Amino acid sequence: MGSAGMSILRLTFLGTSAAQPTLHRNLSGLAVKADSDLLLFDCGEGSQRQMVRYGTGFTVDAVFFTHFHADHYLGIIGFLRTLGMMGRETPVQLYGPPPARRLLHQAVHLGVESLSFAVEFHELRDGDKVERRGYTVQAVGVDHRINALGYVLQEDERPGKFNLEKARAMGIPSGPIYGQLQRGETVTLPDGRTIHPDEVVGDTRPGRRLVISGDTRPCQSLVRAAKDADLLIHESTFSDDEQARAQETRHSTAREAAQVAREAGAKRLILTHLSSRHDTDPSRLLTQAREEYKGPVEVAYDGLTVELPLRD
């Protein structure tokens, strides 16, 4: 909701396997550090152990579920119990497509333990936005077997670069005045001159854009959402020879994920949600994706950490 954007946007893949865990890959989960906020996108079984393993911390502010197949949300049960044992008091926000409120309420209240903090349930539909300090999370309707969403994390615009050399040449005294100008405030100097921000501050800079597909067939809603995205994380459950299976189960092949990235003009593509067939050797997926998309592309693995650099 602010206009200064964020300094940190760091992603940690907690689980990159489809449907069932393997020796090397856990079920779906992605931790996103957005400055002081910690978000989860999906919380498959075992996610909390992955958070310990990869050092993300447990101060989660919100969890965004793409859909309610078991491999994407059953980890929330144990995760919330752990937060209670840690003495958490602040509410946890849970978001997802309908029937999020009913299913998550059942999961949260499973068992005999009571929680020491409130859990707030929110149902999202295509186009709904959750505004937070420095960024917005928007829901995108996708094409899966059940009601499902992808998500766009859009950083707010950031102020332009402060021209220190010009400010000094204009005789603007250093100190708090620089900060006021950087924030877009007009200031009056001790000598009576009025200085407007555009005299020493460049044009606003666009915020970063992260797009998470969730489980889906390739679809135009994701192409639109991922337009000029800094990073598209797209499921790639299958390879070319499993095309019929991908269509039957409403999943994507690596080639199809790459086609979405290419059509959208995304700057970078990471493939995730791999069938166990590609558990230890996803090279076929990578090869097929690179035939369609010429930007940077990689296959995610559990523990992969990615920092998205600021846009110029």
C-alpha atoms as a PDB file:
ATOM      1  CA  MET A   1       0.000   0.000   0.000  1.00  0.00           C
ATOM      2  CA  GLY A   2       3.050   2.202   0.270  1.00  0.00           C
ATOM      3  CA  SER A   3       4.878   3.567  -2.743  1.00  0.00           C
ATOM      4  CA  ALA A   4       8.484   2.762  -1.872  1.00  0.00           C
ATOM      5  CA  GLY A   5       8.530  -0.856  -2.979  1.00  0.00           C
ATOM      6  CA  MET A   6      10.764  -3.349  -1.202  1.00  0.00           C
ATOM      7  CA  SER A   7      14.465  -3.904  -0.813  1.00  0.00           C
ATOM      8  CA  ILE A   8      14.339  -7.711  -0.441  1.00  0.00           C
ATOM      9  CA  LEU A   9      12.433 -10.167  -2.609  1.00  0.00           C
ATOM     10  CA  ARG A  10      13.798 -13.644  -1.922  1.00  0.00           C
ATOM     11  CA  LEU A  11      12.232 -16.999  -2.830  1.00  0.00           C
ATOM     12  CA  THR A  12      12.963 -20.398  -1.315  1.00  0.00           C
ATOM     13  CA  PHE A  13      11.503 -23.521  -2.911  1.00  0.00           C
ATOM     14  CA  LEU A  14      10.319 -25.781  -0.091  1.00  0.00           C
ATOM     15  CA  GLY A  15       8.878 -28.502  -2.309  1.00  0.00           C
ATOM     16  CA  THR A  16       9.042 -29.151  -6.043  1.00  0.00           C
ATOM     17  CA  SER A  17       7.405 -32.567  -6.489  1.00  0.00           C
ATOM     18  CA  ALA A  18       3.985 -33.282  -7.965  1.00  0.00           C
ATOM     19  CA  ALA A  19       1.355 -35.369  -6.168  1.00  0.00           C
ATOM     20  CA  GLN A  20       3.644 -37.312  -3.822  1.00  0.00           C
ATOM     21  CA  PRO A  21       6.990 -36.715  -2.130  1.00  0.00           C
ATOM     22  CA  THR A  22      10.133 -38.432  -3.355  1.00  0.00           C
ATOM     23  CA  LEU A  23      13.497 -39.017  -1.751  1.00  0.00           C
ATOM     24  CA  HIS A  24      14.737 -35.737  -3.201  1.00  0.00           C
ATOM     25  CA  ARG A  25      11.640 -33.572  -3.525  1.00  0.00           C
ATOM     26  CA  ASN A  26       8.970 -32.536  -1.059  1.00  0.00           C
ATOM     27  CA  LEU A  27       5.396 -31.549  -1.869  1.00  0.00           C
ATOM     28  CA  SER A  28       4.520 -28.066  -3.093  1.00  0.00           C
ATOM     29  CA  GLY A  29       5.589 -25.059  -1.097  1.00  0.00           C
ATOM     30  CA  LEU A  30       7.274 -21.739  -1.790  1.00  0.00           C
ATOM     31  CA  ALA A  31       8.475 -19.254   0.835  1.00  0.00           C
ATOM     32  CA  VAL A  32       8.738 -15.628  -0.258  1.00  0.00           C
ATOM     33  CA  LYS A  33      10.554 -13.048   1.833  1.00  0.00           C
ATOM     34  CA  ALA A  34       9.246  -9.597   0.896  1.00  0.00           C
ATOM     35  CA  ASP A  35      11.178  -7.219   3.127  1.00  0.00           C
ATOM     36  CA  SER A  36       9.914  -7.955   6.647  1.00  0.00           C
ATOM     37  CA  ASP A  37       6.999 -10.078   5.415  1.00  0.00           C
ATOM     38  CA  LEU A  38       7.243 -13.845   5.031  1.00  0.00           C
ATOM     39  CA  LEU A  39       4.653 -15.433   2.754  1.00  0.00           C
ATOM     40  CA  LEU A  40       3.948 -19.027   1.823  1.00  0.00           C
ATOM     41  CA  PHE A  41       2.466 -20.056  -1.497  1.00  0.00           C
ATOM     42  CA  ASP A  42       1.015 -23.505  -0.850  1.00  0.00           C
ATOM     43  CA  CYS A  43       1.937 -25.596   2.155  1.00  0.00           C
ATOM     44  CA  GLY A  44       2.211 -29.244   1.235  1.00  0.00           C
ATOM     45  CA  GLU A  45       2.802 -31.967   3.789  1.00  0.00           C
ATOM     46  CA  GLY A  46       6.266 -31.573   5.325  1.00  0.00           C
ATOM     47  CA  SER A  47       6.633 -27.878   4.495  1.00  0.00           C
ATOM     48  CA  GLN A  48       7.477 -26.930   8.065  1.00  0.00           C
ATOM     49  CA  ARG A  49      10.429 -29.318   8.139  1.00  0.00           C
ATOM     50  CA  GLN A  50      11.667 -27.785   4.903  1.00  0.00           C
ATOM     51  CA  MET A  51      11.426 -24.344   6.501  1.00  0.00           C
ATOM     52  CA  VAL A  52      13.678 -25.531   9.304  1.00  0.00           C
ATOM     53  CA  ARG A  53      16.045 -27.184   6.862  1.00  0.00           C
ATOM     54  CA  TYR A  54      16.410 -24.127   4.641  1.00  0.00           C
ATOM     55  CA  GLY A  55      16.324 -21.476   7.349  1.00  0.00           C
ATOM     56  CA  THR A  56      13.346 -19.444   6.199  1.00  0.00           C
ATOM     57  CA  GLY A  57      12.083 -18.810   9.720  1.00  0.00           C
ATOM     58  CA  PHE A  58       8.504 -19.252  10.909  1.00  0.00           C
ATOM     59  CA  THR A  59       7.271 -15.667  11.170  1.00  0.00           C
ATOM     60  CA  VAL A  60       4.768 -16.213   8.369  1.00  0.00           C
ATOM     61  CA  ASP A  61       2.308 -13.380   7.806  1.00  0.00           C
ATOM     62  CA  ALA A  62       0.081 -15.028   5.198  1.00  0.00           C
ATOM     63  CA  VAL A  63      -0.367 -18.276   3.284  1.00  0.00           C
ATOM     64  CA  PHE A  64      -1.760 -18.228  -0.263  1.00  0.00           C
ATOM     65  CA  PHE A  65      -3.126 -21.551  -1.502  1.00  0.00           C
ATOM     66  CA  THR A  66      -3.387 -22.153  -5.240  1.00  0.00           C
ATOM     67  CA  HIS A  67      -6.014 -24.883  -4.797  1.00  0.00           C
ATOM     68  CA  PHE A  68      -7.058 -27.628  -2.446  1.00  0.00           C
ATOM     69  CA  HIS A  69      -5.633 -30.859  -3.724  1.00  0.00           C
ATOM     70  CA  ALA A  70      -4.051 -32.568  -0.729  1.00  0.00           C
ATOM     71  CA  ASP A  71      -0.440 -32.157  -1.866  1.00  0.00           C
ATOM     72  CA  HIS A  72      -0.808 -28.374  -1.754  1.00  0.00           C
ATOM     73  CA  TYR A  73      -2.390 -27.724   1.620  1.00  0.00           C
ATOM     74  CA  LEU A  74      -2.247 -30.548   4.179  1.00  0.00           C
ATOM     75  CA  GLY A  75       0.994 -29.206   5.643  1.00  0.00           C
ATOM     76  CA  ILE A  76      -0.921 -26.303   7.166  1.00  0.00           C
ATOM     77  CA  ILE A  77      -2.235 -28.540   9.956  1.00  0.00           C
ATOM     78  CA  GLY A  78       1.114 -29.255  11.579  1.00  0.00           C
ATOM     79  CA  PHE A  79       2.547 -25.870  10.658  1.00  0.00           C
ATOM     80  CA  LEU A  80      -0.093 -23.995  12.646  1.00  0.00           C
ATOM     81  CA  ARG A  81       0.385 -26.305  15.642  1.00  0.00           C
ATOM     82  CA  THR A  82       4.099 -25.521  15.583  1.00  0.00           C
ATOM     83  CA  LEU A  83       3.386 -21.788  15.535  1.00  0.00           C
ATOM     84  CA  GLY A  84       1.229 -22.302  18.607  1.00  0.00           C
ATOM     85  CA  MET A  85       4.027 -24.125  20.432  1.00  0.00           C
ATOM     86  CA  MET A  86       6.321 -21.232  19.533  1.00  0.00           C
ATOM     87  CA  GLY A  87       3.972 -18.890  21.389  1.00  0.00           C
ATOM     88  CA  ARG A  88       2.661 -16.986  18.428  1.00  0.00           C
ATOM     89  CA  GLU A  89       0.025 -14.393  19.246  1.00  0.00           C
ATOM     90  CA  THR A  90      -0.530 -12.413  16.036  1.00  0.00           C
ATOM     91  CA  PRO A  91      -3.158 -13.676  13.570  1.00  0.00           C
ATOM     92  CA  VAL A  92      -2.263 -15.742  10.514  1.00  0.00           C
ATOM     93  CA  GLN A  93      -3.994 -14.878   7.248  1.00  0.00           C
ATOM     94  CA  LEU A  94      -4.987 -17.791   4.990  1.00  0.00           C
ATOM     95  CA  TYR A  95      -6.074 -17.134   1.389  1.00  0.00           C
ATOM     96  CA  GLY A  96      -7.322 -19.400  -1.358  1.00  0.00           C
ATOM     97  CA  PRO A  97     -10.059 -20.058  -3.905  1.00  0.00           C
ATOM     98  CA  PRO A  98     -13.465 -21.298  -2.768  1.00  0.00           C
ATOM     99  CA  PRO A  99     -14.069 -23.494  -0.829  1.00  0.00           C
ATOM    100  CA  ALA A 100     -11.078 -22.141   1.115  1.00  0.00           C
ATOM    101  CA  ARG A 101     -13.077 -21.043   4.125  1.00  0.00           C
ATOM    102  CA  ARG A 102     -14.714 -24.426   4.676  1.00  0.00           C
ATOM    103  CA  LEU A 103     -11.703 -26.628   3.946  1.00  0.00           C
ATOM    104  CA  LEU A 104      -9.207 -24.544   5.873  1.00  0.00           C
ATOM    105  CA  HIS A 105     -11.541 -24.223   8.842  1.00  0.00           C
ATOM    106  CA  GLN A 106     -11.758 -28.024   8.946  1.00  0.00           C
ATOM    107  CA  ALA A 107      -7.981 -28.386   8.699  1.00  0.00           C
ATOM    108  CA  VAL A 108      -7.233 -25.771  11.332  1.00  0.00           C
ATOM    109  CA  HIS A 109      -9.639 -27.332  13.824  1.00  0.00           C
ATOM    110  CA  LEU A 110      -8.562 -30.923  13.250  1.00  0.00           C
ATOM    111  CA  GLY A 111      -7.461 -32.583  16.477  1.00  0.00           C
ATOM    112  CA  VAL A 112      -7.835 -31.503  20.085  1.00  0.00           C
ATOM    113  CA  GLU A 113      -5.240 -28.739  20.311  1.00  0.00           C
ATOM    114  CA  SER A 114      -6.389 -25.146  20.497  1.00  0.00           C
ATOM    115  CA  LEU A 115      -4.313 -22.389  18.934  1.00  0.00           C
ATOM    116  CA  SER A 116      -2.919 -19.418  20.810  1.00  0.00           C
ATOM    117  CA  PHE A 117      -3.604 -17.044  17.927  1.00  0.00           C
ATOM    118  CA  ALA A 118      -6.386 -16.233  15.501  1.00  0.00           C
ATOM    119  CA  VAL A 119      -6.558 -17.725  12.020  1.00  0.00           C
ATOM    120  CA  GLU A 120      -8.394 -15.576   9.493  1.00  0.00           C
ATOM    121  CA  PHE A 121      -9.818 -17.121   6.324  1.00  0.00           C
ATOM    122  CA  HIS A 122     -10.184 -15.281   3.022  1.00  0.00           C
ATOM    123  CA  GLU A 123     -11.626 -16.555  -0.250  1.00  0.00           C
ATOM    124  CA  LEU A 124     -10.177 -15.090  -3.431  1.00  0.00           C
ATOM    125  CA  ARG A 125     -11.428 -15.100  -6.988  1.00  0.00           C
ATOM    126  CA  ASP A 126      -9.881 -14.122 -10.293  1.00  0.00           C
ATOM    127  CA  GLY A 127      -8.740 -10.501 -10.140  1.00  0.00           C
ATOM    128  CA  ASP A 128      -8.989 -10.107  -6.368  1.00  0.00           C
ATOM    129  CA  LYS A 129      -6.097  -8.213  -4.797  1.00  0.00           C
ATOM    130  CA  VAL A 130      -4.499  -8.302  -1.366  1.00  0.00           C
ATOM    131  CA  GLU A 131      -2.654  -5.055  -0.724  1.00  0.00           C
ATOM    132  CA  ARG A 132       0.301  -5.111   1.622  1.00  0.00           C
ATOM    133  CA  ARG A 133       3.009  -2.619   2.449  1.00  0.00           C
ATOM    134  CA  GLY A 134       5.162  -2.192  -0.642  1.00  0.00           C
ATOM    135  CA  TYR A 135       3.423  -4.762  -2.848  1.00  0.00           C
ATOM    136  CA  THR A 136       0.159  -6.367  -3.924  1.00  0.00           C
ATOM    137  CA  VAL A 137      -0.760 -10.036  -4.372  1.00  0.00           C
ATOM    138  CA  GLN A 138      -3.364 -10.615  -7.088  1.00  0.00           C
ATOM    139  CA  ALA A 139      -5.276 -13.819  -7.779  1.00  0.00           C
ATOM    140  CA  VAL A 140      -5.401 -15.141 -11.351  1.00  0.00           C
ATOM    141  CA  GLY A 141      -7.904 -17.773 -12.437  1.00  0.00           C
ATOM    142  CA  VAL A 142      -6.204 -20.762 -14.104  1.00  0.00           C
ATOM    143  CA  ASP A 143      -7.253 -24.019 -15.801  1.00  0.00           C
ATOM    144  CA  HIS A 144      -7.093 -27.039 -13.494  1.00  0.00           C
ATOM    145  CA  ARG A 145      -9.446 -29.895 -12.591  1.00  0.00           C
ATOM    146  CA  ILE A 146     -10.834 -27.970  -9.638  1.00  0.00           C
ATOM    147  CA  ASN A 147     -11.159 -24.301  -8.740  1.00  0.00           C
ATOM    148  CA  ALA A 148      -7.578 -23.018  -8.813  1.00  0.00           C
ATOM    149  CA  LEU A 149      -5.600 -19.797  -8.805  1.00  0.00           C
ATOM    150  CA  GLY A 150      -2.218 -18.535  -9.811  1.00  0.00           C
ATOM    151  CA  TYR A 151      -0.771 -15.475  -8.101  1.00  0.00           C
ATOM    152  CA  VAL A 152       1.004 -12.282  -9.111  1.00  0.00           C
ATOM    153  CA  LEU A 153       3.176 -10.518  -6.561  1.00  0.00           C
ATOM    154  CA  GLN A 154       3.576  -6.978  -7.891  1.00  0.00           C
ATOM    155  CA  GLU A 155       5.944  -4.608  -6.134  1.00  0.00           C
ATOM    156  CA  ASP A 156       4.836  -0.979  -5.895  1.00  0.00           C
ATOM    157  CA  GLU A 157       6.610   1.574  -8.042  1.00  0.00           C
ATOM    158  CA  ARG A 158       9.826   2.801  -6.464  1.00  0.00           C
ATOM    159  CA  PRO A 159      10.984   6.424  -6.347  1.00  0.00           C
ATOM    160  CA  GLY A 160      13.426   7.527  -9.009  1.00  0.00           C
ATOM    161  CA  LYS A 161      17.145   7.763  -8.382  1.00  0.00           C
ATOM    162  CA  PHE A 162      18.321  10.752  -6.365  1.00  0.00           C
ATOM    163  CA  ASN A 163      20.849  12.857  -8.293  1.00  0.00           C
ATOM    164  CA  LEU A 164      23.326  13.624  -5.535  1.00  0.00           C
ATOM    165  CA  GLU A 165      25.720  15.495  -7.809  1.00  0.00           C
ATOM    166  CA  LYS A 166      22.994  17.836  -9.037  1.00  0.00           C
ATOM    167  CA  ALA A 167      21.677  18.394  -5.519  1.00  0.00           C
ATOM    168  CA  ARG A 168      25.118  19.473  -4.353  1.00  0.00           C
ATOM    169  CA  ALA A 169      25.572  21.725  -7.376  1.00  0.00           C
ATOM    170  CA  MET A 170      22.263  23.409  -6.539  1.00  0.00           C
ATOM    171  CA  GLY A 171      23.464  24.038  -3.000  1.00  0.00           C
ATOM    172  CA  ILE A 172      20.857  21.834  -1.350  1.00  0.00           C
ATOM    173  CA  PRO A 173      22.156  21.037   2.142  1.00  0.00           C
ATOM    174  CA  SER A 174      22.590  17.348   2.905  1.00  0.00           C
ATOM    175  CA  GLY A 175      20.547  15.673   5.596  1.00  0.00           C
ATOM    176  CA  PRO A 176      16.806  15.149   6.042  1.00  0.00           C
ATOM    177  CA  ILE A 177      15.988  17.365   3.056  1.00  0.00           C
ATOM    178  CA  TYR A 178      17.425  14.727   0.720  1.00  0.00           C
ATOM    179  CA  GLY A 179      15.051  12.158   2.155  1.00  0.00           C
ATOM    180  CA  GLN A 180      12.064  14.480   1.782  1.00  0.00           C
ATOM    181  CA  LEU A 181      12.842  15.071  -1.877  1.00  0.00           C
ATOM    182  CA  GLN A 182      13.370  11.336  -2.462  1.00  0.00           C
ATOM    183  CA  ARG A 183       9.916  10.691  -1.005  1.00  0.00           C
ATOM    184  CA  GLY A 184       8.364  13.154  -3.456  1.00  0.00           C
ATOM    185  CA  GLU A 185       7.988  16.117  -1.112  1.00  0.00           C
ATOM    186  CA  THR A 186       8.547  19.725  -2.161  1.00  0.00           C
ATOM    187  CA  VAL A 187      10.884  21.501   0.256  1.00  0.00           C
ATOM    188  CA  THR A 188      11.781  25.080   1.120  1.00  0.00           C
ATOM    189  CA  LEU A 189      15.475  25.662   1.785  1.00  0.00           C
ATOM    190  CA  PRO A 190      16.811  27.883   4.571  1.00  0.00           C
ATOM    191  CA  ASP A 191      17.648  30.518   1.933  1.00  0.00           C
ATOM    192  CA  GLY A 192      14.006  30.626   0.843  1.00  0.00           C
ATOM    193  CA  ARG A 193      14.284  28.688  -2.409  1.00  0.00           C
ATOM    194  CA  THR A 194      11.616  26.110  -3.222  1.00  0.00           C
ATOM    195  CA  ILE A 195      12.904  22.807  -4.601  1.00  0.00           C
ATOM    196  CA  HIS A 196      10.601  20.355  -6.341  1.00  0.00           C
ATOM    197  CA  PRO A 197      11.424  16.625  -6.329  1.00  0.00           C
ATOM    198  CA  ASP A 198      11.615  16.354 -10.115  1.00  0.00           C
ATOM    199  CA  GLU A 199      14.572  18.746 -10.081  1.00  0.00           C
ATOM    200  CA  VAL A 200      16.812  16.171  -8.394  1.00  0.00           C
ATOM    201  CA  VAL A 201      14.915  12.864  -8.540  1.00  0.00           C
ATOM    202  CA  GLY A 202      14.514  10.779 -11.701  1.00  0.00           C
ATOM    203  CA  ASP A 203      11.378   9.098 -12.991  1.00  0.00           C
ATOM    204  CA  THR A 204       9.715   6.471 -10.823  1.00  0.00           C
ATOM    205  CA  ARG A 205      11.019   2.956 -11.391  1.00  0.00           C
ATOM    206  CA  PRO A 206       8.731  -0.018 -11.999  1.00  0.00           C
ATOM    207  CA  GLY A 207       8.434  -2.616  -9.278  1.00  0.00           C
ATOM    208  CA  ARG A 208       9.360  -6.256  -9.662  1.00  0.00           C
ATOM    209  CA  ARG A 209       6.764  -8.782 -10.793  1.00  0.00           C
ATOM    210  CA  LEU A 210       6.659 -12.414  -9.691  1.00  0.00           C
ATOM    211  CA  VAL A 211       4.109 -14.824 -11.174  1.00  0.00           C
ATOM    212  CA  ILE A 212       3.272 -18.255  -9.722  1.00  0.00           C
ATOM    213  CA  SER A 213       1.161 -20.534 -11.912  1.00  0.00           C
ATOM    214  CA  GLY A 214      -0.019 -23.151  -9.451  1.00  0.00           C
ATOM    215  CA  ASP A 215      -1.361 -26.331 -11.088  1.00  0.00           C
ATOM    216  CA  THR A 216      -2.765 -25.554 -14.511  1.00  0.00           C
ATOM    217  CA  ARG A 217      -2.922 -26.130 -18.211  1.00  0.00           C
ATOM    218  CA  PRO A 218      -1.282 -23.340 -20.215  1.00  0.00           C
ATOM    219  CA  CYS A 219      -3.804 -20.508 -20.367  1.00  0.00           C
ATOM    220  CA  GLN A 220      -4.126 -16.952 -21.609  1.00  0.00           C
ATOM    221  CA  SER A 221      -4.864 -15.613 -18.131  1.00  0.00           C
ATOM    222  CA  LEU A 222      -1.315 -16.565 -17.137  1.00  0.00           C
ATOM    223  CA  VAL A 223       0.119 -15.140 -20.344  1.00  0.00           C
ATOM    224  CA  ARG A 224      -1.503 -11.813 -19.501  1.00  0.00           C
ATOM    225  CA  ALA A 225      -0.447 -11.992 -15.861  1.00  0.00           C
ATOM    226  CA  ALA A 226       3.165 -12.815 -16.717  1.00  0.00           C
ATOM    227  CA  LYS A 227       3.592 -10.026 -19.268  1.00  0.00           C
ATOM    228  CA  ASP A 228       7.073  -8.576 -18.704  1.00  0.00           C
ATOM    229  CA  ALA A 229       7.355 -10.487 -15.400  1.00  0.00           C
ATOM    230  CA  ASP A 230      10.764 -10.626 -13.761  1.00  0.00           C
ATOM    231  CA  LEU A 231      10.119 -14.292 -13.004  1.00  0.00           C
ATOM    232  CA  LEU A 232       7.475 -16.814 -13.997  1.00  0.00           C
ATOM    233  CA  ILE A 233       7.311 -19.947 -11.862  1.00  0.00           C
ATOM    234  CA  HIS A 234       5.304 -22.421 -13.908  1.00  0.00           C
ATOM    235  CA  GLU A 235       4.397 -26.017 -13.199  1.00  0.00           C
ATOM    236  CA  SER A 236       5.916 -28.552 -15.603  1.00  0.00           C
ATOM    237  CA  THR A 237       4.653 -31.885 -14.408  1.00  0.00           C
ATOM    238  CA  PHE A 238       5.235 -33.752 -17.660  1.00  0.00           C
ATOM    239  CA  SER A 239       7.445 -34.037 -20.742  1.00  0.00           C
ATOM    240  CA  ASP A 240       6.382 -34.111 -24.397  1.00  0.00           C
ATOM    241  CA  ASP A 241       5.713 -37.850 -24.477  1.00  0.00           C
ATOM    242  CA  GLU A 242       3.220 -37.419 -21.628  1.00  0.00           C
ATOM    243  CA  GLN A 243       1.123 -34.805 -23.440  1.00  0.00           C
ATOM    244  CA  ALA A 244      -2.071 -36.850 -23.271  1.00  0.00           C
ATOM    245  CA  ARG A 245      -1.601 -37.336 -19.547  1.00  0.00           C
ATOM    246  CA  ALA A 246      -1.036 -33.604 -19.097  1.00  0.00           C
ATOM    247  CA  GLN A 247      -4.303 -32.825 -20.852  1.00  0.00           C
ATOM    248  CA  GLU A 248      -6.193 -35.497 -18.923  1.00  0.00           C
ATOM    249  CA  THR A 249      -5.017 -34.268 -15.522  1.00  0.00           C
ATOM    250  CA  ARG A 250      -5.065 -30.544 -16.440  1.00  0.00           C
ATOM    251  CA  HIS A 251      -1.343 -30.082 -15.916  1.00  0.00           C
ATOM    252  CA  SER A 252       1.365 -28.652 -18.187  1.00  0.00           C
ATOM    253  CA  THR A 253       4.390 -29.997 -19.966  1.00  0.00           C
ATOM    254  CA  ALA A 254       7.715 -28.202 -19.749  1.00  0.00           C
ATOM    255  CA  ARG A 255       7.338 -27.158 -23.377  1.00  0.00           C
ATOM    256  CA  GLU A 256       3.931 -25.639 -22.687  1.00  0.00           C
ATOM    257  CA  ALA A 257       5.268 -23.751 -19.671  1.00  0.00           C
ATOM    258  CA  ALA A 258       8.019 -22.340 -21.866  1.00  0.00           C
ATOM    259  CA  GLN A 259       5.488 -21.297 -24.496  1.00  0.00           C
ATOM    260  CA  VAL A 260       3.604 -19.324 -21.844  1.00  0.00           C
ATOM    261  CA  ALA A 261       6.842 -17.622 -20.786  1.00  0.00           C
ATOM    262  CA  ARG A 262       7.734 -16.804 -24.382  1.00  0.00           C
ATOM    263  CA  GLU A 263       4.311 -15.435 -25.269  1.00  0.00           C
ATOM    264  CA  ALA A 264       4.219 -13.344 -22.096  1.00  0.00           C
ATOM    265  CA  GLY A 265       7.707 -11.953 -22.562  1.00  0.00           C
ATOM    266  CA  ALA A 266       8.706 -13.067 -19.070  1.00  0.00           C
ATOM    267  CA  LYS A 267      12.328 -12.295 -18.269  1.00  0.00           C
ATOM    268  CA  ARG A 268      13.023 -15.606 -16.534  1.00  0.00           C
ATOM    269  CA  LEU A 269      11.365 -19.013 -16.146  1.00  0.00           C
ATOM    270  CA  ILE A 270      11.632 -21.588 -13.377  1.00  0.00           C
ATOM    271  CA  LEU A 271       9.955 -24.980 -13.793  1.00  0.00           C
ATOM    272  CA  THR A 272       8.545 -26.808 -10.781  1.00  0.00           C
ATOM    273  CA  HIS A 273       5.970 -29.440  -9.712  1.00  0.00           C
ATOM    274  CA  LEU A 274       7.753 -32.366 -11.368  1.00  0.00           C
ATOM    275  CA  SER A 275       6.370 -35.848 -11.846  1.00  0.00           C
ATOM    276  CA  SER A 276       8.364 -38.494  -9.974  1.00  0.00           C
ATOM    277  CA  ARG A 277       9.490 -39.763 -13.368  1.00  0.00           C
ATOM    278  CA  HIS A 278      11.711 -36.673 -13.620  1.00  0.00           C
ATOM    279  CA  ASP A 279      12.727 -36.593  -9.964  1.00  0.00           C
ATOM    280  CA  THR A 280      16.494 -37.001 -10.246  1.00  0.00           C
ATOM    281  CA  ASP A 281      16.992 -36.222 -13.924  1.00  0.00           C
ATOM    282  CA  PRO A 282      14.889 -33.315 -15.201  1.00  0.00           C
ATOM    283  CA  SER A 283      17.210 -32.733 -18.171  1.00  0.00           C
ATOM    284  CA  ARG A 284      14.531 -33.725 -20.680  1.00  0.00           C
ATOM    285  CA  LEU A 285      12.197 -31.082 -19.277  1.00  0.00           C
ATOM    286  CA  LEU A 286      14.915 -28.460 -19.482  1.00  0.00           C
ATOM    287  CA  THR A 287      15.811 -29.349 -23.065  1.00  0.00           C
ATOM    288  CA  GLN A 288      12.209 -29.177 -24.227  1.00  0.00           C
ATOM    289  CA  ALA A 289      11.623 -25.859 -22.466  1.00  0.00           C
ATOM    290  CA  ARG A 290      14.737 -24.318 -24.017  1.00  0.00           C
ATOM    291  CA  GLU A 291      13.498 -25.207 -27.486  1.00  0.00           C
ATOM    292  CA  GLU A 292      10.569 -22.832 -26.924  1.00  0.00           C
ATOM    293  CA  TYR A 293      11.925 -20.109 -24.649  1.00  0.00           C
ATOM    294  CA  LYS A 294      15.266 -18.393 -25.169  1.00  0.00           C
ATOM    295  CA  GLY A 295      15.450 -16.550 -21.871  1.00  0.00           C
ATOM    296  CA  PRO A 296      17.014 -17.944 -18.686  1.00  0.00           C
ATOM    297  CA  VAL A 297      15.261 -21.141 -17.642  1.00  0.00           C
ATOM    298  CA  GLU A 298      15.993 -23.664 -14.913  1.00  0.00           C
ATOM    299  CA  VAL A 299      14.328 -26.521 -13.090  1.00  0.00           C
ATOM    300  CA  ALA A 300      13.678 -25.851  -9.419  1.00  0.00           C
ATOM    301  CA  TYR A 301      14.927 -28.164  -6.690  1.00  0.00           C
ATOM    302  CA  ASP A 302      14.124 -28.218  -2.997  1.00  0.00           C
ATOM    303  CA  GLY A 303      16.153 -25.536  -1.260  1.00  0.00           C
ATOM    304  CA  LEU A 304      16.711 -23.419  -4.366  1.00  0.00           C
ATOM    305  CA  THR A 305      16.891 -19.786  -3.278  1.00  0.00           C
ATOM    306  CA  VAL A 306      16.390 -16.958  -5.745  1.00  0.00           C
ATOM    307  CA  GLU A 307      16.771 -13.229  -5.138  1.00  0.00           C
ATOM    308  CA  LEU A 308      15.048 -10.961  -7.624  1.00  0.00           C
ATOM    309  CA  PRO A 309      17.189  -7.864  -8.232  1.00  0.00           C
ATOM    310  CA  LEU A 310      15.676  -4.404  -8.247  1.00  0.00           C
ATOM    311  CA  ARG A 311      14.646  -3.048 -11.613  1.00  0.00           C
ATOM    312  CA  ASP A 312      16.610  -0.057 -12.885  1.00  0.00           C
END
